[in-house]
Amino acid sequence: MDERAQVSADDDLEVAASDEVPEFLSEFRQMRDEFSRFMLSYKFGMDEITTKVRILQEEFRTVHVYNPIEHVSARLKTPESVLEKVRRKGCEPTFERIREQITDVAGVRVTCSFVSDAYRVFDLLTGQQDIDVVAVKDYIRDPKPNGYRSLHAIVEVPVFLSNGPTPVPVEVQFRTIAMDFWASLEHKIYYKYDRQVPDALLVSLSDAATTAAKLDEDMERLHREVHGDDRQQPPPEPSPGGLELSERVVAQLIQQRAAARGR
C-alpha cells in the first residue's frame, strides 16, 4: 500500500471512530440514567418500608404500654455490589432480570426485644394492604447450619415515580437483640478470616448461637413472669413534651364535645 492509500485508510478509520463516539455517549448516558432510576426505586422502596416500621414504633411508644421494636436500620447495595452479584449468579444483565433474581438490593433490619415480638411486627407489617409478601425464610424456627437465626421476608412495596408505580422488592429481617449481636460478631469473624474461618472458631460460633437462643427464651420467660401480657395493661402515663395527651387536655376535649352537643 502506497503512502497516499495508507493516509486515506487512516482518515476513513478516524471518520468511523468519530461517528461512533456520539452514539456511544448517547448509549452511555441512557444506561446511566436508567441505572440511576433503577437504584433510586430501591432506595425509595427501602425508605417506604423503613417509614412503615418507624410509624409502628412511634405508635407503640406513644399509645401502648410496650414497644416491641428496639431499633430499625436499612442498607442499599452499591451499584458495584449489584453488578458483582449479577456476575456471580450468572444473571442476565437486564433490569427486569436483576429485579426478579436479586432480591436483596435493598434491605431493612428490624431488631426486636423478644422472639414473639419479631413475629408480631412481621404480621403487622405484612398485613398492610400495599405490602405483598413474595417469600419468607424462617431461620428462627429452622436455623442455618452455622447457627444463624432470623426471620427473613421479601416484600414488594409500590413506589410511585413520575412514570407511574413500580413494585420494588425489599428484604426485611426481623431478629432479636441477641440474634443481632451474634450475627454482627459472626460477620466480623468471617471478614477477618476472608471467609476461611478455622473449624474451632466455627464450632464456638455455633455454640454461641445456641447460647443466644437460650438467652432469648429465658429473658422472654422472665419478662412474662414480671409483666404478664403487656398488651392487656393500661397505657402509660404521658411524658412531658411528647405527643401524648395529658389528662387536662383530654378533659377539655370532653367538655367541648359536651358543650357542642348541648347547643
C-alpha atoms as a PDB file:
ATOM      1  CA  MET A   1       0.000   0.000   0.000  1.00  0.00           C
ATOM      2  CA  ASP A   2       1.476   3.367  -1.017  1.00  0.00           C
ATOM      3  CA  GLU A   3       1.620   6.350   1.326  1.00  0.00           C
ATOM      4  CA  ARG A   4      -1.470   8.064  -0.133  1.00  0.00           C
ATOM      5  CA  ALA A   5      -3.582   4.898   0.232  1.00  0.00           C
ATOM      6  CA  GLN A   6      -2.418   4.496   3.850  1.00  0.00           C
ATOM      7  CA  VAL A   7      -3.382   8.088   4.665  1.00  0.00           C
ATOM      8  CA  SER A   8      -6.798   7.563   3.062  1.00  0.00           C
ATOM      9  CA  ALA A   9      -7.404   4.392   5.115  1.00  0.00           C
ATOM     10  CA  ASP A  10      -6.379   6.156   8.332  1.00  0.00           C
ATOM     11  CA  ASP A  11      -8.749   9.018   7.527  1.00  0.00           C
ATOM     12  CA  ASP A  12     -11.600   6.560   6.993  1.00  0.00           C
ATOM     13  CA  LEU A  13     -10.934   4.959  10.396  1.00  0.00           C
ATOM     14  CA  GLU A  14     -10.884   8.341  12.104  1.00  0.00           C
ATOM     15  CA  VAL A  15     -14.205   9.300  10.485  1.00  0.00           C
ATOM     16  CA  ALA A  16     -15.772   5.986  11.517  1.00  0.00           C
ATOM     17  CA  ALA A  17     -14.454   6.392  15.052  1.00  0.00           C
ATOM     18  CA  SER A  18     -15.715   9.964  15.243  1.00  0.00           C
ATOM     19  CA  ASP A  19     -19.152   8.766  14.093  1.00  0.00           C
ATOM     20  CA  GLU A  20     -19.214   6.091  16.831  1.00  0.00           C
ATOM     21  CA  VAL A  21     -18.339   8.464  19.690  1.00  0.00           C
ATOM     22  CA  PRO A  22     -21.695  10.322  19.782  1.00  0.00           C
ATOM     23  CA  GLU A  23     -23.538   7.002  19.550  1.00  0.00           C
ATOM     24  CA  PHE A  24     -21.505   5.576  22.444  1.00  0.00           C
ATOM     25  CA  LEU A  25     -22.007   8.701  24.550  1.00  0.00           C
ATOM     26  CA  SER A  26     -25.738   8.612  23.896  1.00  0.00           C
ATOM     27  CA  GLU A  27     -25.925   4.937  24.890  1.00  0.00           C
ATOM     28  CA  PHE A  28     -23.762   5.640  27.939  1.00  0.00           C
ATOM     29  CA  ARG A  29     -25.997   8.487  29.115  1.00  0.00           C
ATOM     30  CA  GLN A  30     -29.133   6.412  28.568  1.00  0.00           C
ATOM     31  CA  MET A  31     -27.715   3.470  30.534  1.00  0.00           C
ATOM     32  CA  ARG A  32     -26.535   5.781  33.317  1.00  0.00           C
ATOM     33  CA  ASP A  33     -29.978   7.375  33.616  1.00  0.00           C
ATOM     34  CA  GLU A  34     -31.776   4.012  33.581  1.00  0.00           C
ATOM     35  CA  PHE A  35     -29.414   2.543  36.185  1.00  0.00           C
ATOM     36  CA  SER A  36     -29.808   5.634  38.380  1.00  0.00           C
ATOM     37  CA  ARG A  37     -33.597   5.363  38.182  1.00  0.00           C
ATOM     38  CA  PHE A  38     -33.354   1.623  38.909  1.00  0.00           C
ATOM     39  CA  MET A  39     -31.250   2.183  42.045  1.00  0.00           C
ATOM     40  CA  LEU A  40     -33.431   5.104  43.143  1.00  0.00           C
ATOM     41  CA  SER A  41     -36.511   2.894  43.035  1.00  0.00           C
ATOM     42  CA  TYR A  42     -34.827   0.544  45.510  1.00  0.00           C
ATOM     43  CA  LYS A  43     -33.851   3.422  47.766  1.00  0.00           C
ATOM     44  CA  PHE A  44     -37.422   4.699  47.761  1.00  0.00           C
ATOM     45  CA  GLY A  45     -38.777   1.193  48.416  1.00  0.00           C
ATOM     46  CA  MET A  46     -36.367   0.835  51.327  1.00  0.00           C
ATOM     47  CA  ASP A  47     -37.452   4.238  52.645  1.00  0.00           C
ATOM     48  CA  GLU A  48     -41.119   3.215  52.363  1.00  0.00           C
ATOM     49  CA  ILE A  49     -40.591   0.086  54.465  1.00  0.00           C
ATOM     50  CA  THR A  50     -38.424   1.934  56.982  1.00  0.00           C
ATOM     51  CA  THR A  51     -41.104   4.595  57.381  1.00  0.00           C
ATOM     52  CA  LYS A  52     -43.800   1.965  57.903  1.00  0.00           C
ATOM     53  CA  VAL A  53     -41.787   0.300  60.666  1.00  0.00           C
ATOM     54  CA  ARG A  54     -40.944   3.626  62.306  1.00  0.00           C
ATOM     55  CA  ILE A  55     -44.643   4.558  62.303  1.00  0.00           C
ATOM     56  CA  LEU A  56     -45.405   1.316  64.141  1.00  0.00           C
ATOM     57  CA  GLN A  57     -42.528   2.012  66.512  1.00  0.00           C
ATOM     58  CA  GLU A  58     -43.786   5.526  67.271  1.00  0.00           C
ATOM     59  CA  GLU A  59     -47.350   4.293  67.763  1.00  0.00           C
ATOM     60  CA  PHE A  60     -46.221   1.651  70.256  1.00  0.00           C
ATOM     61  CA  ARG A  61     -44.022   4.167  72.029  1.00  0.00           C
ATOM     62  CA  THR A  62     -46.810   6.752  72.273  1.00  0.00           C
ATOM     63  CA  VAL A  63     -50.083   4.940  72.904  1.00  0.00           C
ATOM     64  CA  HIS A  64     -49.128   1.429  74.059  1.00  0.00           C
ATOM     65  CA  VAL A  65     -47.558   0.257  77.285  1.00  0.00           C
ATOM     66  CA  TYR A  66     -44.978  -1.860  75.459  1.00  0.00           C
ATOM     67  CA  ASN A  67     -42.868  -1.193  72.374  1.00  0.00           C
ATOM     68  CA  PRO A  68     -41.624  -4.407  70.695  1.00  0.00           C
ATOM     69  CA  ILE A  69     -39.299  -2.581  68.263  1.00  0.00           C
ATOM     70  CA  GLU A  70     -35.852  -1.780  69.639  1.00  0.00           C
ATOM     71  CA  HIS A  71     -34.379  -0.172  66.536  1.00  0.00           C
ATOM     72  CA  VAL A  72     -34.544  -0.113  62.743  1.00  0.00           C
ATOM     73  CA  SER A  73     -31.716   0.065  60.211  1.00  0.00           C
ATOM     74  CA  ALA A  74     -31.516  -0.027  56.425  1.00  0.00           C
ATOM     75  CA  ARG A  75     -28.897  -0.535  53.759  1.00  0.00           C
ATOM     76  CA  LEU A  76     -28.746  -0.259  49.974  1.00  0.00           C
ATOM     77  CA  LYS A  77     -26.227  -2.206  47.916  1.00  0.00           C
ATOM     78  CA  THR A  78     -23.843  -0.094  45.862  1.00  0.00           C
ATOM     79  CA  PRO A  79     -24.153  -0.297  42.063  1.00  0.00           C
ATOM     80  CA  GLU A  80     -20.760  -2.056  42.010  1.00  0.00           C
ATOM     81  CA  SER A  81     -22.006  -4.650  44.502  1.00  0.00           C
ATOM     82  CA  VAL A  82     -25.158  -5.232  42.448  1.00  0.00           C
ATOM     83  CA  LEU A  83     -23.138  -5.803  39.260  1.00  0.00           C
ATOM     84  CA  GLU A  84     -20.749  -8.141  41.084  1.00  0.00           C
ATOM     85  CA  LYS A  85     -23.692 -10.246  42.273  1.00  0.00           C
ATOM     86  CA  VAL A  86     -25.124 -10.243  38.734  1.00  0.00           C
ATOM     87  CA  ARG A  87     -21.813 -11.659  37.502  1.00  0.00           C
ATOM     88  CA  ARG A  88     -21.517 -14.166  40.352  1.00  0.00           C
ATOM     89  CA  LYS A  89     -25.045 -15.531  39.888  1.00  0.00           C
ATOM     90  CA  GLY A  90     -24.858 -15.569  36.091  1.00  0.00           C
ATOM     91  CA  CYS A  91     -27.934 -13.362  35.955  1.00  0.00           C
ATOM     92  CA  GLU A  92     -28.930 -11.820  32.635  1.00  0.00           C
ATOM     93  CA  PRO A  93     -27.825  -8.152  32.972  1.00  0.00           C
ATOM     94  CA  THR A  94     -31.206  -6.584  32.293  1.00  0.00           C
ATOM     95  CA  PHE A  95     -33.055  -4.561  34.903  1.00  0.00           C
ATOM     96  CA  GLU A  96     -36.060  -6.872  34.674  1.00  0.00           C
ATOM     97  CA  ARG A  97     -33.985  -9.998  35.394  1.00  0.00           C
ATOM     98  CA  ILE A  98     -31.993  -8.282  38.141  1.00  0.00           C
ATOM     99  CA  ARG A  99     -35.232  -7.286  39.879  1.00  0.00           C
ATOM    100  CA  GLU A 100     -36.516 -10.876  39.608  1.00  0.00           C
ATOM    101  CA  GLN A 101     -33.373 -12.737  40.665  1.00  0.00           C
ATOM    102  CA  ILE A 102     -31.540 -10.429  43.075  1.00  0.00           C
ATOM    103  CA  THR A 103     -33.925  -9.676  45.893  1.00  0.00           C
ATOM    104  CA  ASP A 104     -31.581  -8.144  48.465  1.00  0.00           C
ATOM    105  CA  VAL A 105     -30.585  -4.937  46.676  1.00  0.00           C
ATOM    106  CA  ALA A 106     -32.462  -3.042  49.397  1.00  0.00           C
ATOM    107  CA  GLY A 107     -32.660  -4.321  52.953  1.00  0.00           C
ATOM    108  CA  VAL A 108     -34.295  -3.276  56.215  1.00  0.00           C
ATOM    109  CA  ARG A 109     -33.459  -4.810  59.593  1.00  0.00           C
ATOM    110  CA  VAL A 110     -35.928  -4.688  62.476  1.00  0.00           C
ATOM    111  CA  THR A 111     -34.445  -5.551  65.858  1.00  0.00           C
ATOM    112  CA  CYS A 112     -36.985  -6.583  68.484  1.00  0.00           C
ATOM    113  CA  SER A 113     -36.855  -7.329  72.189  1.00  0.00           C
ATOM    114  CA  PHE A 114     -38.066 -10.927  72.073  1.00  0.00           C
ATOM    115  CA  VAL A 115     -38.743 -13.715  69.579  1.00  0.00           C
ATOM    116  CA  SER A 116     -42.521 -13.300  69.828  1.00  0.00           C
ATOM    117  CA  ASP A 117     -42.051  -9.601  69.038  1.00  0.00           C
ATOM    118  CA  ALA A 118     -40.275 -10.458  65.779  1.00  0.00           C
ATOM    119  CA  TYR A 119     -43.290 -12.465  64.612  1.00  0.00           C
ATOM    120  CA  ARG A 120     -45.704  -9.821  65.871  1.00  0.00           C
ATOM    121  CA  VAL A 121     -44.014  -6.987  63.957  1.00  0.00           C
ATOM    122  CA  PHE A 122     -43.753  -9.213  60.875  1.00  0.00           C
ATOM    123  CA  ASP A 123     -47.526  -9.753  60.998  1.00  0.00           C
ATOM    124  CA  LEU A 124     -48.220  -6.043  61.484  1.00  0.00           C
ATOM    125  CA  LEU A 125     -46.008  -5.007  58.567  1.00  0.00           C
ATOM    126  CA  THR A 126     -47.005  -7.689  56.075  1.00  0.00           C
ATOM    127  CA  GLY A 127     -50.681  -7.254  56.940  1.00  0.00           C
ATOM    128  CA  GLN A 128     -50.718  -3.768  55.423  1.00  0.00           C
ATOM    129  CA  GLN A 129     -52.719  -3.523  52.210  1.00  0.00           C
ATOM    130  CA  ASP A 130     -49.966  -2.205  49.955  1.00  0.00           C
ATOM    131  CA  ILE A 131     -47.446  -4.852  51.029  1.00  0.00           C
ATOM    132  CA  ASP A 132     -47.145  -8.075  49.025  1.00  0.00           C
ATOM    133  CA  VAL A 133     -45.189 -10.943  50.575  1.00  0.00           C
ATOM    134  CA  VAL A 134     -43.032 -12.616  47.925  1.00  0.00           C
ATOM    135  CA  ALA A 135     -41.119 -15.120  50.077  1.00  0.00           C
ATOM    136  CA  VAL A 136     -40.440 -15.937  53.729  1.00  0.00           C
ATOM    137  CA  LYS A 137     -37.483 -17.828  55.208  1.00  0.00           C
ATOM    138  CA  ASP A 138     -37.831 -18.574  58.906  1.00  0.00           C
ATOM    139  CA  TYR A 139     -34.331 -19.120  60.254  1.00  0.00           C
ATOM    140  CA  ILE A 140     -35.619 -18.732  63.814  1.00  0.00           C
ATOM    141  CA  ARG A 141     -37.571 -21.989  63.705  1.00  0.00           C
ATOM    142  CA  ASP A 142     -35.076 -23.581  61.291  1.00  0.00           C
ATOM    143  CA  PRO A 143     -31.616 -22.067  61.952  1.00  0.00           C
ATOM    144  CA  LYS A 144     -28.842 -22.220  59.372  1.00  0.00           C
ATOM    145  CA  PRO A 145     -26.121 -24.864  59.953  1.00  0.00           C
ATOM    146  CA  ASN A 146     -23.802 -22.203  61.403  1.00  0.00           C
ATOM    147  CA  GLY A 147     -26.427 -21.240  63.996  1.00  0.00           C
ATOM    148  CA  TYR A 148     -27.729 -18.095  62.302  1.00  0.00           C
ATOM    149  CA  ARG A 149     -31.251 -17.163  63.376  1.00  0.00           C
ATOM    150  CA  SER A 150     -33.519 -14.517  61.895  1.00  0.00           C
ATOM    151  CA  LEU A 151     -36.872 -14.181  60.160  1.00  0.00           C
ATOM    152  CA  HIS A 152     -36.404 -13.075  56.541  1.00  0.00           C
ATOM    153  CA  ALA A 153     -39.138 -11.774  54.278  1.00  0.00           C
ATOM    154  CA  ILE A 154     -39.014 -10.493  50.714  1.00  0.00           C
ATOM    155  CA  VAL A 155     -41.831  -7.989  50.338  1.00  0.00           C
ATOM    156  CA  GLU A 156     -42.897  -5.782  47.449  1.00  0.00           C
ATOM    157  CA  VAL A 157     -43.990  -2.209  48.008  1.00  0.00           C
ATOM    158  CA  PRO A 158     -45.260   0.173  45.297  1.00  0.00           C
ATOM    159  CA  VAL A 159     -43.011   3.144  44.585  1.00  0.00           C
ATOM    160  CA  PHE A 160     -44.705   5.997  42.740  1.00  0.00           C
ATOM    161  CA  LEU A 161     -42.311   7.706  40.333  1.00  0.00           C
ATOM    162  CA  SER A 162     -43.022  10.259  37.615  1.00  0.00           C
ATOM    163  CA  ASN A 163     -43.553   7.468  35.069  1.00  0.00           C
ATOM    164  CA  GLY A 164     -46.004   5.567  37.287  1.00  0.00           C
ATOM    165  CA  PRO A 165     -45.962   2.998  40.110  1.00  0.00           C
ATOM    166  CA  THR A 166     -43.228   0.371  40.281  1.00  0.00           C
ATOM    167  CA  PRO A 167     -43.346  -2.662  42.617  1.00  0.00           C
ATOM    168  CA  VAL A 168     -39.985  -2.839  44.381  1.00  0.00           C
ATOM    169  CA  PRO A 169     -38.738  -5.875  46.338  1.00  0.00           C
ATOM    170  CA  VAL A 170     -37.168  -5.216  49.730  1.00  0.00           C
ATOM    171  CA  GLU A 171     -35.618  -7.786  52.044  1.00  0.00           C
ATOM    172  CA  VAL A 172     -36.760  -7.313  55.651  1.00  0.00           C
ATOM    173  CA  GLN A 173     -35.028  -9.125  58.504  1.00  0.00           C
ATOM    174  CA  PHE A 174     -36.669  -9.490  61.909  1.00  0.00           C
ATOM    175  CA  ARG A 175     -34.423 -10.548  64.769  1.00  0.00           C
ATOM    176  CA  THR A 176     -33.854 -10.147  68.492  1.00  0.00           C
ATOM    177  CA  ILE A 177     -31.068  -8.178  70.165  1.00  0.00           C
ATOM    178  CA  ALA A 178     -29.230 -11.430  70.934  1.00  0.00           C
ATOM    179  CA  MET A 179     -29.553 -12.635  67.327  1.00  0.00           C
ATOM    180  CA  ASP A 180     -28.320  -9.279  66.054  1.00  0.00           C
ATOM    181  CA  PHE A 181     -25.297  -9.326  68.372  1.00  0.00           C
ATOM    182  CA  TRP A 182     -24.365 -12.848  67.260  1.00  0.00           C
ATOM    183  CA  ALA A 183     -24.799 -12.027  63.543  1.00  0.00           C
ATOM    184  CA  SER A 184     -22.650  -8.908  63.888  1.00  0.00           C
ATOM    185  CA  LEU A 185     -19.870 -10.864  65.588  1.00  0.00           C
ATOM    186  CA  GLU A 186     -20.078 -13.663  63.022  1.00  0.00           C
ATOM    187  CA  HIS A 187     -19.797 -11.146  60.164  1.00  0.00           C
ATOM    188  CA  LYS A 188     -16.663  -9.598  61.690  1.00  0.00           C
ATOM    189  CA  ILE A 189     -15.032 -13.002  62.160  1.00  0.00           C
ATOM    190  CA  TYR A 190     -15.778 -14.072  58.569  1.00  0.00           C
ATOM    191  CA  TYR A 191     -14.404 -10.750  57.303  1.00  0.00           C
ATOM    192  CA  LYS A 192     -11.208 -11.078  59.359  1.00  0.00           C
ATOM    193  CA  TYR A 193     -10.526 -14.586  58.027  1.00  0.00           C
ATOM    194  CA  ASP A 194     -11.692 -13.794  54.478  1.00  0.00           C
ATOM    195  CA  ARG A 195     -14.450 -16.409  54.945  1.00  0.00           C
ATOM    196  CA  GLN A 196     -11.837 -19.126  55.666  1.00  0.00           C
ATOM    197  CA  VAL A 197     -12.737 -19.440  59.348  1.00  0.00           C
ATOM    198  CA  PRO A 198     -10.911 -22.146  61.343  1.00  0.00           C
ATOM    199  CA  ASP A 199     -13.069 -25.114  62.340  1.00  0.00           C
ATOM    200  CA  ALA A 200     -12.585 -24.476  66.054  1.00  0.00           C
ATOM    201  CA  LEU A 201     -13.997 -20.972  65.684  1.00  0.00           C
ATOM    202  CA  LEU A 202     -16.942 -22.267  63.670  1.00  0.00           C
ATOM    203  CA  VAL A 203     -17.790 -24.667  66.494  1.00  0.00           C
ATOM    204  CA  SER A 204     -17.527 -21.837  69.023  1.00  0.00           C
ATOM    205  CA  LEU A 205     -19.790 -19.647  66.884  1.00  0.00           C
ATOM    206  CA  SER A 206     -22.391 -22.396  66.671  1.00  0.00           C
ATOM    207  CA  ASP A 207     -22.249 -22.878  70.448  1.00  0.00           C
ATOM    208  CA  ALA A 208     -22.634 -19.126  70.942  1.00  0.00           C
ATOM    209  CA  ALA A 209     -25.706 -19.125  68.694  1.00  0.00           C
ATOM    210  CA  THR A 210     -27.272 -21.853  70.843  1.00  0.00           C
ATOM    211  CA  THR A 211     -26.464 -19.847  73.967  1.00  0.00           C
ATOM    212  CA  ALA A 212     -28.011 -16.715  72.448  1.00  0.00           C
ATOM    213  CA  ALA A 213     -31.181 -18.636  71.578  1.00  0.00           C
ATOM    214  CA  LYS A 214     -31.392 -19.957  75.147  1.00  0.00           C
ATOM    215  CA  LEU A 215     -30.903 -16.408  76.439  1.00  0.00           C
ATOM    216  CA  ASP A 216     -33.804 -15.221  74.264  1.00  0.00           C
ATOM    217  CA  GLU A 217     -36.047 -17.914  75.728  1.00  0.00           C
ATOM    218  CA  ASP A 218     -35.031 -17.180  79.323  1.00  0.00           C
ATOM    219  CA  MET A 219     -35.393 -13.407  79.009  1.00  0.00           C
ATOM    220  CA  GLU A 220     -38.830 -13.670  77.401  1.00  0.00           C
ATOM    221  CA  ARG A 221     -39.968 -16.069  80.127  1.00  0.00           C
ATOM    222  CA  LEU A 222     -38.701 -13.694  82.838  1.00  0.00           C
ATOM    223  CA  HIS A 223     -40.377 -10.756  81.145  1.00  0.00           C
ATOM    224  CA  ARG A 224     -43.729 -12.528  81.145  1.00  0.00           C
ATOM    225  CA  GLU A 225     -43.329 -13.577  84.769  1.00  0.00           C
ATOM    226  CA  VAL A 226     -42.706  -9.973  85.809  1.00  0.00           C
ATOM    227  CA  HIS A 227     -45.019  -8.080  83.463  1.00  0.00           C
ATOM    228  CA  GLY A 228     -47.551 -10.648  82.303  1.00  0.00           C
ATOM    229  CA  ASP A 229     -49.202  -9.841  78.977  1.00  0.00           C
ATOM    230  CA  ASP A 230     -48.240  -6.213  78.292  1.00  0.00           C
ATOM    231  CA  ARG A 231     -50.991  -5.912  75.697  1.00  0.00           C
ATOM    232  CA  GLN A 232     -53.661  -6.160  78.400  1.00  0.00           C
ATOM    233  CA  GLN A 233     -52.209  -3.429  80.611  1.00  0.00           C
ATOM    234  CA  PRO A 234     -53.441   0.196  80.594  1.00  0.00           C
ATOM    235  CA  PRO A 235     -51.441   2.750  78.580  1.00  0.00           C
ATOM    236  CA  PRO A 236     -48.563   4.554  80.321  1.00  0.00           C
ATOM    237  CA  GLU A 237     -48.727   7.996  81.860  1.00  0.00           C
ATOM    238  CA  PRO A 238     -47.974  10.806  79.375  1.00  0.00           C
ATOM    239  CA  SER A 239     -44.429  12.119  79.198  1.00  0.00           C
ATOM    240  CA  PRO A 240     -43.879  15.900  79.197  1.00  0.00           C
ATOM    241  CA  GLY A 241     -43.259  17.437  75.792  1.00  0.00           C
ATOM    242  CA  GLY A 242     -44.287  14.325  73.856  1.00  0.00           C
ATOM    243  CA  LEU A 243     -47.257  13.686  71.607  1.00  0.00           C
ATOM    244  CA  GLU A 244     -49.176  12.016  74.437  1.00  0.00           C
ATOM    245  CA  LEU A 245     -52.286  13.891  75.577  1.00  0.00           C
ATOM    246  CA  SER A 246     -52.384  14.935  79.217  1.00  0.00           C
ATOM    247  CA  GLU A 247     -55.471  14.265  81.352  1.00  0.00           C
ATOM    248  CA  ARG A 248     -56.182  18.008  81.382  1.00  0.00           C
ATOM    249  CA  VAL A 249     -56.287  18.216  77.585  1.00  0.00           C
ATOM    250  CA  VAL A 250     -58.492  15.118  77.336  1.00  0.00           C
ATOM    251  CA  ALA A 251     -60.876  16.564  79.944  1.00  0.00           C
ATOM    252  CA  GLN A 252     -61.070  19.819  77.978  1.00  0.00           C
ATOM    253  CA  LEU A 253     -61.905  17.911  74.808  1.00  0.00           C
ATOM    254  CA  ILE A 254     -64.700  16.010  76.596  1.00  0.00           C
ATOM    255  CA  GLN A 255     -66.117  19.281  77.939  1.00  0.00           C
ATOM    256  CA  GLN A 256     -66.029  20.909  74.494  1.00  0.00           C
ATOM    257  CA  ARG A 257     -67.828  17.940  72.916  1.00  0.00           C
ATOM    258  CA  ALA A 258     -70.468  18.013  75.660  1.00  0.00           C
ATOM    259  CA  ALA A 259     -70.964  21.740  75.129  1.00  0.00           C
ATOM    260  CA  ALA A 260     -71.276  21.237  71.372  1.00  0.00           C
ATOM    261  CA  ARG A 261     -73.948  18.561  71.822  1.00  0.00           C
ATOM    262  CA  GLY A 262     -75.906  20.898  74.130  1.00  0.00           C
ATOM    263  CA  ARG A 263     -76.148  23.673  71.561  1.00  0.00           C
END
